[in-house]
Amino acid sequence: MKLYLCALVLCLVLGAQAEWYNHPGQALRGAYDMGRAYKHMVEANYIGADKYFHARGNYDAAQRGPGGKWAAEVISDGREAWQSFRGSGHEDTAADQAANHHGRNGGDPNIYRPAGLPSEY
């Protein structure tokens, strides 16, 4: 499964605008931010926190600059495409993408933060 996800991301990277080429450091740090948000989401395992971690990962990555914003977009779009392919509901995908766009465009991710989520996240 991870191999398929990597292949999908590679296709998106090659087909997307080459912002990573102009800002490779920002893109790498943005990808790290996205991975950290995913790791925290898995660690927290908190019902209702999915959208918060989507918004936070995109927000943190976009703060790195154009390369980070590009990485957030490629990773988010790739993940949502993969979930749609696997049969995730259209409503859930649309809600995830709304949270992704909100964070990536500088919106406060805390509006998606569920009550009771531990403060370490």
PDB file of N, CA and C in Angstrom:
ATOM      1  N   MET A   1       0.826  -1.190   0.000  1.00  0.00           N
ATOM      2  CA  MET A   1       0.000   0.000   0.000  1.00  0.00           C
ATOM      3  C   MET A   1       0.870   1.254   0.000  1.00  0.00           C
ATOM      4  N   LYS A   2       1.899   1.237   0.820  1.00  0.00           N
ATOM      5  CA  LYS A   2       2.778   2.407   0.862  1.00  0.00           C
ATOM      6  C   LYS A   2       3.471   2.616  -0.474  1.00  0.00           C
ATOM      7  N   LEU A   3       3.777   1.515  -1.157  1.00  0.00           N
ATOM      8  CA  LEU A   3       4.413   1.620  -2.465  1.00  0.00           C
ATOM      9  C   LEU A   3       3.492   2.330  -3.448  1.00  0.00           C
ATOM     10  N   TYR A   4       2.191   1.989  -3.407  1.00  0.00           N
ATOM     11  CA  TYR A   4       1.231   2.647  -4.289  1.00  0.00           C
ATOM     12  C   TYR A   4       1.122   4.132  -3.967  1.00  0.00           C
ATOM     13  N   LEU A   5       1.119   4.462  -2.687  1.00  0.00           N
ATOM     14  CA  LEU A   5       1.043   5.859  -2.282  1.00  0.00           C
ATOM     15  C   LEU A   5       2.282   6.622  -2.749  1.00  0.00           C
ATOM     16  N   CYS A   6       3.447   6.010  -2.612  1.00  0.00           N
ATOM     17  CA  CYS A   6       4.681   6.653  -3.078  1.00  0.00           C
ATOM     18  C   CYS A   6       4.652   6.868  -4.588  1.00  0.00           C
ATOM     19  N   ALA A   7       4.150   5.879  -5.319  1.00  0.00           N
ATOM     20  CA  ALA A   7       4.059   6.008  -6.773  1.00  0.00           C
ATOM     21  C   ALA A   7       3.100   7.122  -7.159  1.00  0.00           C
ATOM     22  N   LEU A   8       1.977   7.209  -6.448  1.00  0.00           N
ATOM     23  CA  LEU A   8       1.009   8.269  -6.721  1.00  0.00           C
ATOM     24  C   LEU A   8       1.621   9.643  -6.457  1.00  0.00           C
ATOM     25  N   VAL A   9       2.298   9.783  -5.338  1.00  0.00           N
ATOM     26  CA  VAL A   9       2.939  11.064  -5.006  1.00  0.00           C
ATOM     27  C   VAL A   9       4.005  11.401  -6.047  1.00  0.00           C
ATOM     28  N   LEU A  10       4.777  10.417  -6.470  1.00  0.00           N
ATOM     29  CA  LEU A  10       5.799  10.661  -7.488  1.00  0.00           C
ATOM     30  C   LEU A  10       5.167  11.164  -8.780  1.00  0.00           C
ATOM     31  N   CYS A  11       4.056  10.557  -9.191  1.00  0.00           N
ATOM     32  CA  CYS A  11       3.361  11.014 -10.406  1.00  0.00           C
ATOM     33  C   CYS A  11       2.874  12.452 -10.246  1.00  0.00           C
ATOM     34  N   LEU A  12       2.339  12.756  -9.078  1.00  0.00           N
ATOM     35  CA  LEU A  12       1.869  14.118  -8.838  1.00  0.00           C
ATOM     36  C   LEU A  12       3.031  15.110  -8.843  1.00  0.00           C
ATOM     37  N   VAL A  13       4.147  14.706  -8.263  1.00  0.00           N
ATOM     38  CA  VAL A  13       5.324  15.571  -8.222  1.00  0.00           C
ATOM     39  C   VAL A  13       5.817  15.860  -9.632  1.00  0.00           C
ATOM     40  N   LEU A  14       5.899  14.837 -10.442  1.00  0.00           N
ATOM     41  CA  LEU A  14       6.404  15.019 -11.795  1.00  0.00           C
ATOM     42  C   LEU A  14       5.433  15.809 -12.666  1.00  0.00           C
ATOM     43  N   GLY A  15       4.138  15.685 -12.385  1.00  0.00           N
ATOM     44  CA  GLY A  15       3.149  16.371 -13.198  1.00  0.00           C
ATOM     45  C   GLY A  15       2.790  17.759 -12.699  1.00  0.00           C
ATOM     46  N   ALA A  16       3.168  18.089 -11.498  1.00  0.00           N
ATOM     47  CA  ALA A  16       2.806  19.379 -10.915  1.00  0.00           C
ATOM     48  C   ALA A  16       3.829  20.445 -11.304  1.00  0.00           C
ATOM     49  N   GLN A  17       3.467  21.667 -11.009  1.00  0.00           N
ATOM     50  CA  GLN A  17       4.434  22.739 -11.230  1.00  0.00           C
ATOM     51  C   GLN A  17       5.672  22.444 -10.403  1.00  0.00           C
ATOM     52  N   ALA A  18       6.814  22.750 -10.931  1.00  0.00           N
ATOM     53  CA  ALA A  18       8.070  22.385 -10.288  1.00  0.00           C
ATOM     54  C   ALA A  18       8.504  23.408  -9.244  1.00  0.00           C
ATOM     55  N   GLU A  19       7.631  23.729  -8.320  1.00  0.00           N
ATOM     56  CA  GLU A  19       7.977  24.684  -7.268  1.00  0.00           C
ATOM     57  C   GLU A  19       9.068  24.116  -6.365  1.00  0.00           C
ATOM     58  N   TRP A  20       9.109  22.786  -6.218  1.00  0.00           N
ATOM     59  CA  TRP A  20      10.150  22.172  -5.411  1.00  0.00           C
ATOM     60  C   TRP A  20      11.523  22.435  -6.019  1.00  0.00           C
ATOM     61  N   TYR A  21      11.575  22.548  -7.328  1.00  0.00           N
ATOM     62  CA  TYR A  21      12.843  22.784  -8.017  1.00  0.00           C
ATOM     63  C   TYR A  21      13.384  24.172  -7.689  1.00  0.00           C
ATOM     64  N   ASN A  22      12.488  25.149  -7.570  1.00  0.00           N
ATOM     65  CA  ASN A  22      12.896  26.515  -7.252  1.00  0.00           C
ATOM     66  C   ASN A  22      13.190  26.710  -5.767  1.00  0.00           C
ATOM     67  N   HIS A  23      12.528  25.942  -4.928  1.00  0.00           N
ATOM     68  CA  HIS A  23      12.664  26.092  -3.469  1.00  0.00           C
ATOM     69  C   HIS A  23      12.774  24.714  -2.811  1.00  0.00           C
ATOM     70  N   PRO A  24      13.836  23.956  -3.078  1.00  0.00           N
ATOM     71  CA  PRO A  24      13.897  22.584  -2.571  1.00  0.00           C
ATOM     72  C   PRO A  24      13.924  22.487  -1.046  1.00  0.00           C
ATOM     73  N   GLY A  25      14.599  23.409  -0.388  1.00  0.00           N
ATOM     74  CA  GLY A  25      14.653  23.378   1.078  1.00  0.00           C
ATOM     75  C   GLY A  25      13.286  23.595   1.690  1.00  0.00           C
ATOM     76  N   GLN A  26      12.554  24.568   1.147  1.00  0.00           N
ATOM     77  CA  GLN A  26      11.202  24.825   1.647  1.00  0.00           C
ATOM     78  C   GLN A  26      10.307  23.613   1.414  1.00  0.00           C
ATOM     79  N   ALA A  27      10.431  22.994   0.249  1.00  0.00           N
ATOM     80  CA  ALA A  27       9.597  21.834  -0.075  1.00  0.00           C
ATOM     81  C   ALA A  27       9.897  20.673   0.874  1.00  0.00           C
ATOM     82  N   LEU A  28      11.158  20.442   1.155  1.00  0.00           N
ATOM     83  CA  LEU A  28      11.510  19.349   2.074  1.00  0.00           C
ATOM     84  C   LEU A  28      11.003  19.619   3.485  1.00  0.00           C
ATOM     85  N   ARG A  29      11.178  20.855   3.946  1.00  0.00           N
ATOM     86  CA  ARG A  29      10.693  21.185   5.290  1.00  0.00           C
ATOM     87  C   ARG A  29       9.162  21.152   5.351  1.00  0.00           C
ATOM     88  N   GLY A  30       8.513  21.547   4.255  1.00  0.00           N
ATOM     89  CA  GLY A  30       7.056  21.471   4.195  1.00  0.00           C
ATOM     90  C   GLY A  30       6.573  20.030   4.223  1.00  0.00           C
ATOM     91  N   ALA A  31       7.275  19.153   3.510  1.00  0.00           N
ATOM     92  CA  ALA A  31       6.930  17.730   3.534  1.00  0.00           C
ATOM     93  C   ALA A  31       7.120  17.173   4.943  1.00  0.00           C
ATOM     94  N   TYR A  32       8.175  17.622   5.623  1.00  0.00           N
ATOM     95  CA  TYR A  32       8.394  17.215   7.011  1.00  0.00           C
ATOM     96  C   TYR A  32       7.225  17.661   7.888  1.00  0.00           C
ATOM     97  N   ASP A  33       6.763  18.898   7.704  1.00  0.00           N
ATOM     98  CA  ASP A  33       5.631  19.406   8.489  1.00  0.00           C
ATOM     99  C   ASP A  33       4.384  18.563   8.262  1.00  0.00           C
ATOM    100  N   MET A  34       4.159  18.187   7.016  1.00  0.00           N
ATOM    101  CA  MET A  34       3.000  17.343   6.710  1.00  0.00           C
ATOM    102  C   MET A  34       3.132  15.978   7.381  1.00  0.00           C
ATOM    103  N   GLY A  35       4.319  15.403   7.335  1.00  0.00           N
ATOM    104  CA  GLY A  35       4.551  14.115   7.982  1.00  0.00           C
ATOM    105  C   GLY A  35       4.387  14.193   9.489  1.00  0.00           C
ATOM    106  N   ARG A  36       4.850  15.295  10.072  1.00  0.00           N
ATOM    107  CA  ARG A  36       4.714  15.474  11.520  1.00  0.00           C
ATOM    108  C   ARG A  36       3.248  15.573  11.915  1.00  0.00           C
ATOM    109  N   ALA A  37       2.453  16.303  11.134  1.00  0.00           N
ATOM    110  CA  ALA A  37       1.023  16.414  11.432  1.00  0.00           C
ATOM    111  C   ALA A  37       0.348  15.050  11.334  1.00  0.00           C
ATOM    112  N   TYR A  38       0.722  14.268  10.328  1.00  0.00           N
ATOM    113  CA  TYR A  38       0.153  12.927  10.195  1.00  0.00           C
ATOM    114  C   TYR A  38       0.542  12.054  11.388  1.00  0.00           C
ATOM    115  N   LYS A  39       1.815  12.126  11.785  1.00  0.00           N
ATOM    116  CA  LYS A  39       2.292  11.350  12.941  1.00  0.00           C
ATOM    117  C   LYS A  39       1.515  11.733  14.197  1.00  0.00           C
ATOM    118  N   HIS A  40       1.306  13.012  14.397  1.00  0.00           N
ATOM    119  CA  HIS A  40       0.549  13.466  15.561  1.00  0.00           C
ATOM    120  C   HIS A  40      -0.902  13.009  15.497  1.00  0.00           C
ATOM    121  N   MET A  41      -1.478  13.010  14.300  1.00  0.00           N
ATOM    122  CA  MET A  41      -2.860  12.554  14.157  1.00  0.00           C
ATOM    123  C   MET A  41      -2.973  11.081  14.554  1.00  0.00           C
ATOM    124  N   VAL A  42      -2.018  10.270  14.116  1.00  0.00           N
ATOM    125  CA  VAL A  42      -2.033   8.846  14.451  1.00  0.00           C
ATOM    126  C   VAL A  42      -1.802   8.660  15.949  1.00  0.00           C
ATOM    127  N   GLU A  43      -0.850   9.402  16.512  1.00  0.00           N
ATOM    128  CA  GLU A  43      -0.562   9.302  17.947  1.00  0.00           C
ATOM    129  C   GLU A  43      -1.771   9.696  18.787  1.00  0.00           C
ATOM    130  N   ALA A  44      -2.398  10.810  18.408  1.00  0.00           N
ATOM    131  CA  ALA A  44      -3.523  11.320  19.191  1.00  0.00           C
ATOM    132  C   ALA A  44      -4.705  10.361  19.121  1.00  0.00           C
ATOM    133  N   ASN A  45      -4.955   9.788  17.942  1.00  0.00           N
ATOM    134  CA  ASN A  45      -6.059   8.846  17.759  1.00  0.00           C
ATOM    135  C   ASN A  45      -7.331   9.395  18.410  1.00  0.00           C
ATOM    136  N   TYR A  46      -7.634  10.646  18.089  1.00  0.00           N
ATOM    137  CA  TYR A  46      -8.716  11.372  18.743  1.00  0.00           C
ATOM    138  C   TYR A  46      -9.872  11.562  17.763  1.00  0.00           C
ATOM    139  N   ILE A  47     -11.021  11.090  18.122  1.00  0.00           N
ATOM    140  CA  ILE A  47     -12.188  11.188  17.244  1.00  0.00           C
ATOM    141  C   ILE A  47     -12.522  12.662  16.993  1.00  0.00           C
ATOM    142  N   GLY A  48     -12.682  13.003  15.725  1.00  0.00           N
ATOM    143  CA  GLY A  48     -13.054  14.354  15.338  1.00  0.00           C
ATOM    144  C   GLY A  48     -11.886  15.305  15.102  1.00  0.00           C
ATOM    145  N   ALA A  49     -10.648  14.804  15.231  1.00  0.00           N
ATOM    146  CA  ALA A  49      -9.481  15.679  15.086  1.00  0.00           C
ATOM    147  C   ALA A  49      -8.875  15.649  13.692  1.00  0.00           C
ATOM    148  N   ASP A  50      -9.410  14.833  12.810  1.00  0.00           N
ATOM    149  CA  ASP A  50      -8.845  14.667  11.468  1.00  0.00           C
ATOM    150  C   ASP A  50      -8.688  16.001  10.739  1.00  0.00           C
ATOM    151  N   LYS A  51      -9.733  16.796  10.711  1.00  0.00           N
ATOM    152  CA  LYS A  51      -9.695  18.066   9.968  1.00  0.00           C
ATOM    153  C   LYS A  51      -8.683  19.029  10.581  1.00  0.00           C
ATOM    154  N   TYR A  52      -8.559  19.009  11.904  1.00  0.00           N
ATOM    155  CA  TYR A  52      -7.577  19.867  12.570  1.00  0.00           C
ATOM    156  C   TYR A  52      -6.164  19.533  12.092  1.00  0.00           C
ATOM    157  N   PHE A  53      -5.822  18.249  12.048  1.00  0.00           N
ATOM    158  CA  PHE A  53      -4.477  17.865  11.639  1.00  0.00           C
ATOM    159  C   PHE A  53      -4.245  18.141  10.159  1.00  0.00           C
ATOM    160  N   HIS A  54      -5.299  18.017   9.351  1.00  0.00           N
ATOM    161  CA  HIS A  54      -5.169  18.394   7.936  1.00  0.00           C
ATOM    162  C   HIS A  54      -4.826  19.880   7.831  1.00  0.00           C
ATOM    163  N   ALA A  55      -5.601  20.710   8.514  1.00  0.00           N
ATOM    164  CA  ALA A  55      -5.386  22.157   8.446  1.00  0.00           C
ATOM    165  C   ALA A  55      -4.026  22.534   9.027  1.00  0.00           C
ATOM    166  N   ARG A  56      -3.652  21.923  10.152  1.00  0.00           N
ATOM    167  CA  ARG A  56      -2.391  22.271  10.791  1.00  0.00           C
ATOM    168  C   ARG A  56      -1.187  21.886   9.940  1.00  0.00           C
ATOM    169  N   GLY A  57      -1.196  20.700   9.361  1.00  0.00           N
ATOM    170  CA  GLY A  57      -0.088  20.285   8.506  1.00  0.00           C
ATOM    171  C   GLY A  57       0.087  21.212   7.318  1.00  0.00           C
ATOM    172  N   ASN A  58      -1.040  21.564   6.678  1.00  0.00           N
ATOM    173  CA  ASN A  58      -0.981  22.469   5.533  1.00  0.00           C
ATOM    174  C   ASN A  58      -0.537  23.857   5.953  1.00  0.00           C
ATOM    175  N   TYR A  59      -1.019  24.325   7.100  1.00  0.00           N
ATOM    176  CA  TYR A  59      -0.638  25.652   7.595  1.00  0.00           C
ATOM    177  C   TYR A  59       0.865  25.714   7.866  1.00  0.00           C
ATOM    178  N   ASP A  60       1.367  24.731   8.621  1.00  0.00           N
ATOM    179  CA  ASP A  60       2.788  24.722   8.967  1.00  0.00           C
ATOM    180  C   ASP A  60       3.659  24.661   7.716  1.00  0.00           C
ATOM    181  N   ALA A  61       3.277  23.807   6.769  1.00  0.00           N
ATOM    182  CA  ALA A  61       4.064  23.663   5.539  1.00  0.00           C
ATOM    183  C   ALA A  61       4.045  24.954   4.728  1.00  0.00           C
ATOM    184  N   ALA A  62       2.879  25.573   4.610  1.00  0.00           N
ATOM    185  CA  ALA A  62       2.761  26.798   3.814  1.00  0.00           C
ATOM    186  C   ALA A  62       3.558  27.947   4.418  1.00  0.00           C
ATOM    187  N   GLN A  63       3.766  27.928   5.737  1.00  0.00           N
ATOM    188  CA  GLN A  63       4.544  28.976   6.392  1.00  0.00           C
ATOM    189  C   GLN A  63       6.013  28.921   5.981  1.00  0.00           C
ATOM    190  N   ARG A  64       6.427  27.821   5.392  1.00  0.00           N
ATOM    191  CA  ARG A  64       7.818  27.673   4.932  1.00  0.00           C
ATOM    192  C   ARG A  64       8.097  28.490   3.673  1.00  0.00           C
ATOM    193  N   GLY A  65       7.049  28.857   2.942  1.00  0.00           N
ATOM    194  CA  GLY A  65       7.213  29.607   1.705  1.00  0.00           C
ATOM    195  C   GLY A  65       6.583  28.857   0.545  1.00  0.00           C
ATOM    196  N   PRO A  66       6.838  29.329  -0.686  1.00  0.00           N
ATOM    197  CA  PRO A  66       6.208  28.715  -1.859  1.00  0.00           C
ATOM    198  C   PRO A  66       6.511  27.225  -2.014  1.00  0.00           C
ATOM    199  N   GLY A  67       7.718  26.811  -1.688  1.00  0.00           N
ATOM    200  CA  GLY A  67       8.065  25.392  -1.783  1.00  0.00           C
ATOM    201  C   GLY A  67       7.292  24.553  -0.783  1.00  0.00           C
ATOM    202  N   GLY A  68       7.124  25.060   0.427  1.00  0.00           N
ATOM    203  CA  GLY A  68       6.354  24.348   1.444  1.00  0.00           C
ATOM    204  C   GLY A  68       4.883  24.274   1.091  1.00  0.00           C
ATOM    205  N   LYS A  69       4.368  25.366   0.546  1.00  0.00           N
ATOM    206  CA  LYS A  69       2.962  25.371   0.125  1.00  0.00           C
ATOM    207  C   LYS A  69       2.749  24.367  -1.002  1.00  0.00           C
ATOM    208  N   TRP A  70       3.708  24.310  -1.926  1.00  0.00           N
ATOM    209  CA  TRP A  70       3.634  23.336  -3.014  1.00  0.00           C
ATOM    210  C   TRP A  70       3.633  21.919  -2.461  1.00  0.00           C
ATOM    211  N   ALA A  71       4.540  21.619  -1.527  1.00  0.00           N
ATOM    212  CA  ALA A  71       4.614  20.278  -0.945  1.00  0.00           C
ATOM    213  C   ALA A  71       3.304  19.917  -0.259  1.00  0.00           C
ATOM    214  N   ALA A  72       2.738  20.859   0.473  1.00  0.00           N
ATOM    215  CA  ALA A  72       1.464  20.606   1.161  1.00  0.00           C
ATOM    216  C   ALA A  72       0.361  20.287   0.156  1.00  0.00           C
ATOM    217  N   GLU A  73       0.333  21.018  -0.939  1.00  0.00           N
ATOM    218  CA  GLU A  73      -0.698  20.790  -1.951  1.00  0.00           C
ATOM    219  C   GLU A  73      -0.540  19.422  -2.607  1.00  0.00           C
ATOM    220  N   VAL A  74       0.678  19.072  -2.971  1.00  0.00           N
ATOM    221  CA  VAL A  74       0.920  17.783  -3.632  1.00  0.00           C
ATOM    222  C   VAL A  74       0.586  16.630  -2.681  1.00  0.00           C
ATOM    223  N   ILE A  75       1.033  16.720  -1.449  1.00  0.00           N
ATOM    224  CA  ILE A  75       0.786  15.646  -0.484  1.00  0.00           C
ATOM    225  C   ILE A  75      -0.701  15.547  -0.168  1.00  0.00           C
ATOM    226  N   SER A  76      -1.354  16.678   0.073  1.00  0.00           N
ATOM    227  CA  SER A  76      -2.788  16.660   0.395  1.00  0.00           C
ATOM    228  C   SER A  76      -3.615  16.133  -0.765  1.00  0.00           C
ATOM    229  N   ASP A  77      -3.341  16.628  -1.959  1.00  0.00           N
ATOM    230  CA  ASP A  77      -4.105  16.175  -3.123  1.00  0.00           C
ATOM    231  C   ASP A  77      -3.850  14.702  -3.400  1.00  0.00           C
ATOM    232  N   GLY A  78      -2.622  14.259  -3.219  1.00  0.00           N
ATOM    233  CA  GLY A  78      -2.301  12.852  -3.417  1.00  0.00           C
ATOM    234  C   GLY A  78      -3.015  11.955  -2.423  1.00  0.00           C
ATOM    235  N   ARG A  79      -3.026  12.387  -1.178  1.00  0.00           N
ATOM    236  CA  ARG A  79      -3.700  11.589  -0.133  1.00  0.00           C
ATOM    237  C   ARG A  79      -5.189  11.511  -0.392  1.00  0.00           C
ATOM    238  N   GLU A  80      -5.791  12.635  -0.747  1.00  0.00           N
ATOM    239  CA  GLU A  80      -7.233  12.627  -1.003  1.00  0.00           C
ATOM    240  C   GLU A  80      -7.571  11.832  -2.257  1.00  0.00           C
ATOM    241  N   ALA A  81      -6.729  11.891  -3.277  1.00  0.00           N
ATOM    242  CA  ALA A  81      -6.956  11.094  -4.485  1.00  0.00           C
ATOM    243  C   ALA A  81      -6.878   9.604  -4.146  1.00  0.00           C
ATOM    244  N   TRP A  82      -5.913   9.254  -3.318  1.00  0.00           N
ATOM    245  CA  TRP A  82      -5.762   7.859  -2.912  1.00  0.00           C
ATOM    246  C   TRP A  82      -6.979   7.401  -2.121  1.00  0.00           C
ATOM    247  N   GLN A  83      -7.451   8.227  -1.201  1.00  0.00           N
ATOM    248  CA  GLN A  83      -8.615   7.847  -0.400  1.00  0.00           C
ATOM    249  C   GLN A  83      -9.868   7.744  -1.266  1.00  0.00           C
ATOM    250  N   SER A  84     -10.011   8.609  -2.233  1.00  0.00           N
ATOM    251  CA  SER A  84     -11.150   8.528  -3.149  1.00  0.00           C
ATOM    252  C   SER A  84     -11.080   7.242  -3.954  1.00  0.00           C
ATOM    253  N   PHE A  85      -9.888   6.888  -4.403  1.00  0.00           N
ATOM    254  CA  PHE A  85      -9.681   5.659  -5.152  1.00  0.00           C
ATOM    255  C   PHE A  85     -10.053   4.441  -4.315  1.00  0.00           C
ATOM    256  N   ARG A  86      -9.750   4.508  -3.023  1.00  0.00           N
ATOM    257  CA  ARG A  86     -10.042   3.393  -2.121  1.00  0.00           C
ATOM    258  C   ARG A  86     -11.487   3.382  -1.646  1.00  0.00           C
ATOM    259  N   GLY A  87     -12.273   4.384  -2.022  1.00  0.00           N
ATOM    260  CA  GLY A  87     -13.694   4.361  -1.701  1.00  0.00           C
ATOM    261  C   GLY A  87     -14.131   5.264  -0.568  1.00  0.00           C
ATOM    262  N   SER A  88     -13.300   6.188  -0.156  1.00  0.00           N
ATOM    263  CA  SER A  88     -13.711   7.142   0.871  1.00  0.00           C
ATOM    264  C   SER A  88     -14.860   7.985   0.333  1.00  0.00           C
ATOM    265  N   GLY A  89     -15.759   8.365   1.206  1.00  0.00           N
ATOM    266  CA  GLY A  89     -16.915   9.137   0.780  1.00  0.00           C
ATOM    267  C   GLY A  89     -16.547  10.502   0.221  1.00  0.00           C
ATOM    268  N   HIS A  90     -17.339  10.951  -0.748  1.00  0.00           N
ATOM    269  CA  HIS A  90     -17.102  12.247  -1.387  1.00  0.00           C
ATOM    270  C   HIS A  90     -17.210  13.389  -0.372  1.00  0.00           C
ATOM    271  N   GLU A  91     -18.149  13.285   0.548  1.00  0.00           N
ATOM    272  CA  GLU A  91     -18.338  14.349   1.545  1.00  0.00           C
ATOM    273  C   GLU A  91     -17.110  14.474   2.440  1.00  0.00           C
ATOM    274  N   ASP A  92     -16.552  13.329   2.845  1.00  0.00           N
ATOM    275  CA  ASP A  92     -15.369  13.357   3.699  1.00  0.00           C
ATOM    276  C   ASP A  92     -14.175  13.941   2.956  1.00  0.00           C
ATOM    277  N   THR A  93     -14.021  13.546   1.700  1.00  0.00           N
ATOM    278  CA  THR A  93     -12.926  14.084   0.889  1.00  0.00           C
ATOM    279  C   THR A  93     -13.070  15.588   0.715  1.00  0.00           C
ATOM    280  N   ALA A  94     -14.284  16.053   0.455  1.00  0.00           N
ATOM    281  CA  ALA A  94     -14.518  17.493   0.285  1.00  0.00           C
ATOM    282  C   ALA A  94     -14.229  18.245   1.584  1.00  0.00           C
ATOM    283  N   ALA A  95     -14.629  17.670   2.722  1.00  0.00           N
ATOM    284  CA  ALA A  95     -14.371  18.326   4.013  1.00  0.00           C
ATOM    285  C   ALA A  95     -12.871  18.350   4.317  1.00  0.00           C
ATOM    286  N   ASP A  96     -12.177  17.261   4.009  1.00  0.00           N
ATOM    287  CA  ASP A  96     -10.722  17.240   4.198  1.00  0.00           C
ATOM    288  C   ASP A  96     -10.048  18.291   3.329  1.00  0.00           C
ATOM    289  N   GLN A  97     -10.474  18.397   2.077  1.00  0.00           N
ATOM    290  CA  GLN A  97      -9.880  19.377   1.165  1.00  0.00           C
ATOM    291  C   GLN A  97     -10.168  20.805   1.626  1.00  0.00           C
ATOM    292  N   ALA A  98     -11.352  21.033   2.185  1.00  0.00           N
ATOM    293  CA  ALA A  98     -11.665  22.375   2.713  1.00  0.00           C
ATOM    294  C   ALA A  98     -10.701  22.726   3.842  1.00  0.00           C
ATOM    295  N   ALA A  99     -10.436  21.759   4.731  1.00  0.00           N
ATOM    296  CA  ALA A  99      -9.487  21.990   5.828  1.00  0.00           C
ATOM    297  C   ALA A  99      -8.075  22.183   5.276  1.00  0.00           C
ATOM    298  N   ASN A 100      -7.714  21.400   4.258  1.00  0.00           N
ATOM    299  CA  ASN A 100      -6.393  21.552   3.629  1.00  0.00           C
ATOM    300  C   ASN A 100      -6.225  22.960   3.061  1.00  0.00           C
ATOM    301  N   HIS A 101      -7.202  23.404   2.298  1.00  0.00           N
ATOM    302  CA  HIS A 101      -7.140  24.741   1.676  1.00  0.00           C
ATOM    303  C   HIS A 101      -7.112  25.838   2.737  1.00  0.00           C
ATOM    304  N   HIS A 102      -7.915  25.666   3.775  1.00  0.00           N
ATOM    305  CA  HIS A 102      -7.962  26.669   4.842  1.00  0.00           C
ATOM    306  C   HIS A 102      -6.573  26.855   5.460  1.00  0.00           C
ATOM    307  N   GLY A 103      -5.941  25.753   5.845  1.00  0.00           N
ATOM    308  CA  GLY A 103      -4.619  25.839   6.448  1.00  0.00           C
ATOM    309  C   GLY A 103      -3.565  26.334   5.481  1.00  0.00           C
ATOM    310  N   ARG A 104      -3.606  25.839   4.260  1.00  0.00           N
ATOM    311  CA  ARG A 104      -2.597  26.202   3.257  1.00  0.00           C
ATOM    312  C   ARG A 104      -2.667  27.678   2.892  1.00  0.00           C
ATOM    313  N   ASN A 105      -3.854  28.272   3.007  1.00  0.00           N
ATOM    314  CA  ASN A 105      -4.021  29.684   2.669  1.00  0.00           C
ATOM    315  C   ASN A 105      -3.896  30.595   3.886  1.00  0.00           C
ATOM    316  N   GLY A 106      -3.326  30.083   4.964  1.00  0.00           N
ATOM    317  CA  GLY A 106      -3.012  30.913   6.129  1.00  0.00           C
ATOM    318  C   GLY A 106      -4.107  30.995   7.170  1.00  0.00           C
ATOM    319  N   GLY A 107      -5.180  30.218   7.013  1.00  0.00           N
ATOM    320  CA  GLY A 107      -6.256  30.222   8.005  1.00  0.00           C
ATOM    321  C   GLY A 107      -5.827  29.526   9.284  1.00  0.00           C
ATOM    322  N   ASP A 108      -6.403  29.961  10.394  1.00  0.00           N
ATOM    323  CA  ASP A 108      -6.072  29.402  11.700  1.00  0.00           C
ATOM    324  C   ASP A 108      -6.573  27.961  11.798  1.00  0.00           C
ATOM    325  N   PRO A 109      -5.673  26.978  11.946  1.00  0.00           N
ATOM    326  CA  PRO A 109      -6.111  25.584  12.038  1.00  0.00           C
ATOM    327  C   PRO A 109      -6.927  25.288  13.290  1.00  0.00           C
ATOM    328  N   ASN A 110      -6.831  26.147  14.292  1.00  0.00           N
ATOM    329  CA  ASN A 110      -7.527  25.892  15.550  1.00  0.00           C
ATOM    330  C   ASN A 110      -9.047  25.953  15.432  1.00  0.00           C
ATOM    331  N   ILE A 111      -9.569  26.491  14.334  1.00  0.00           N
ATOM    332  CA  ILE A 111     -11.027  26.472  14.193  1.00  0.00           C
ATOM    333  C   ILE A 111     -11.524  25.040  13.987  1.00  0.00           C
ATOM    334  N   TYR A 112     -10.642  24.134  13.591  1.00  0.00           N
ATOM    335  CA  TYR A 112     -10.991  22.721  13.421  1.00  0.00           C
ATOM    336  C   TYR A 112     -10.627  21.888  14.651  1.00  0.00           C
ATOM    337  N   ARG A 113     -10.023  22.510  15.643  1.00  0.00           N
ATOM    338  CA  ARG A 113      -9.561  21.784  16.824  1.00  0.00           C
ATOM    339  C   ARG A 113     -10.756  21.318  17.667  1.00  0.00           C
ATOM    340  N   PRO A 114     -10.878  20.011  17.900  1.00  0.00           N
ATOM    341  CA  PRO A 114     -11.994  19.538  18.715  1.00  0.00           C
ATOM    342  C   PRO A 114     -11.742  19.785  20.198  1.00  0.00           C
ATOM    343  N   ALA A 115     -12.812  19.980  20.928  1.00  0.00           N
ATOM    344  CA  ALA A 115     -12.712  20.169  22.368  1.00  0.00           C
ATOM    345  C   ALA A 115     -12.129  18.900  22.990  1.00  0.00           C
ATOM    346  N   GLY A 116     -11.200  19.072  23.903  1.00  0.00           N
ATOM    347  CA  GLY A 116     -10.618  17.942  24.618  1.00  0.00           C
ATOM    348  C   GLY A 116      -9.370  17.359  24.001  1.00  0.00           C
ATOM    349  N   LEU A 117      -8.969  17.834  22.805  1.00  0.00           N
ATOM    350  CA  LEU A 117      -7.730  17.351  22.195  1.00  0.00           C
ATOM    351  C   LEU A 117      -6.573  17.779  23.096  1.00  0.00           C
ATOM    352  N   PRO A 118      -5.697  16.850  23.486  1.00  0.00           N
ATOM    353  CA  PRO A 118      -4.576  17.209  24.381  1.00  0.00           C
ATOM    354  C   PRO A 118      -3.780  18.402  23.853  1.00  0.00           C
ATOM    355  N   SER A 119      -3.328  19.242  24.757  1.00  0.00           N
ATOM    356  CA  SER A 119      -2.649  20.493  24.395  1.00  0.00           C
ATOM    357  C   SER A 119      -1.306  20.253  23.715  1.00  0.00           C
ATOM    358  N   GLU A 120      -0.739  19.055  23.823  1.00  0.00           N
ATOM    359  CA  GLU A 120       0.548  18.787  23.151  1.00  0.00           C
ATOM    360  C   GLU A 120       0.409  18.808  21.637  1.00  0.00           C
ATOM    361  N   TYR A 121      -0.825  18.761  21.142  1.00  0.00           N
ATOM    362  CA  TYR A 121      -1.064  18.810  19.703  1.00  0.00           C
ATOM    363  C   TYR A 121      -1.614  20.160  19.363  1.00  0.00           C
TER     364      TYR A 121
END
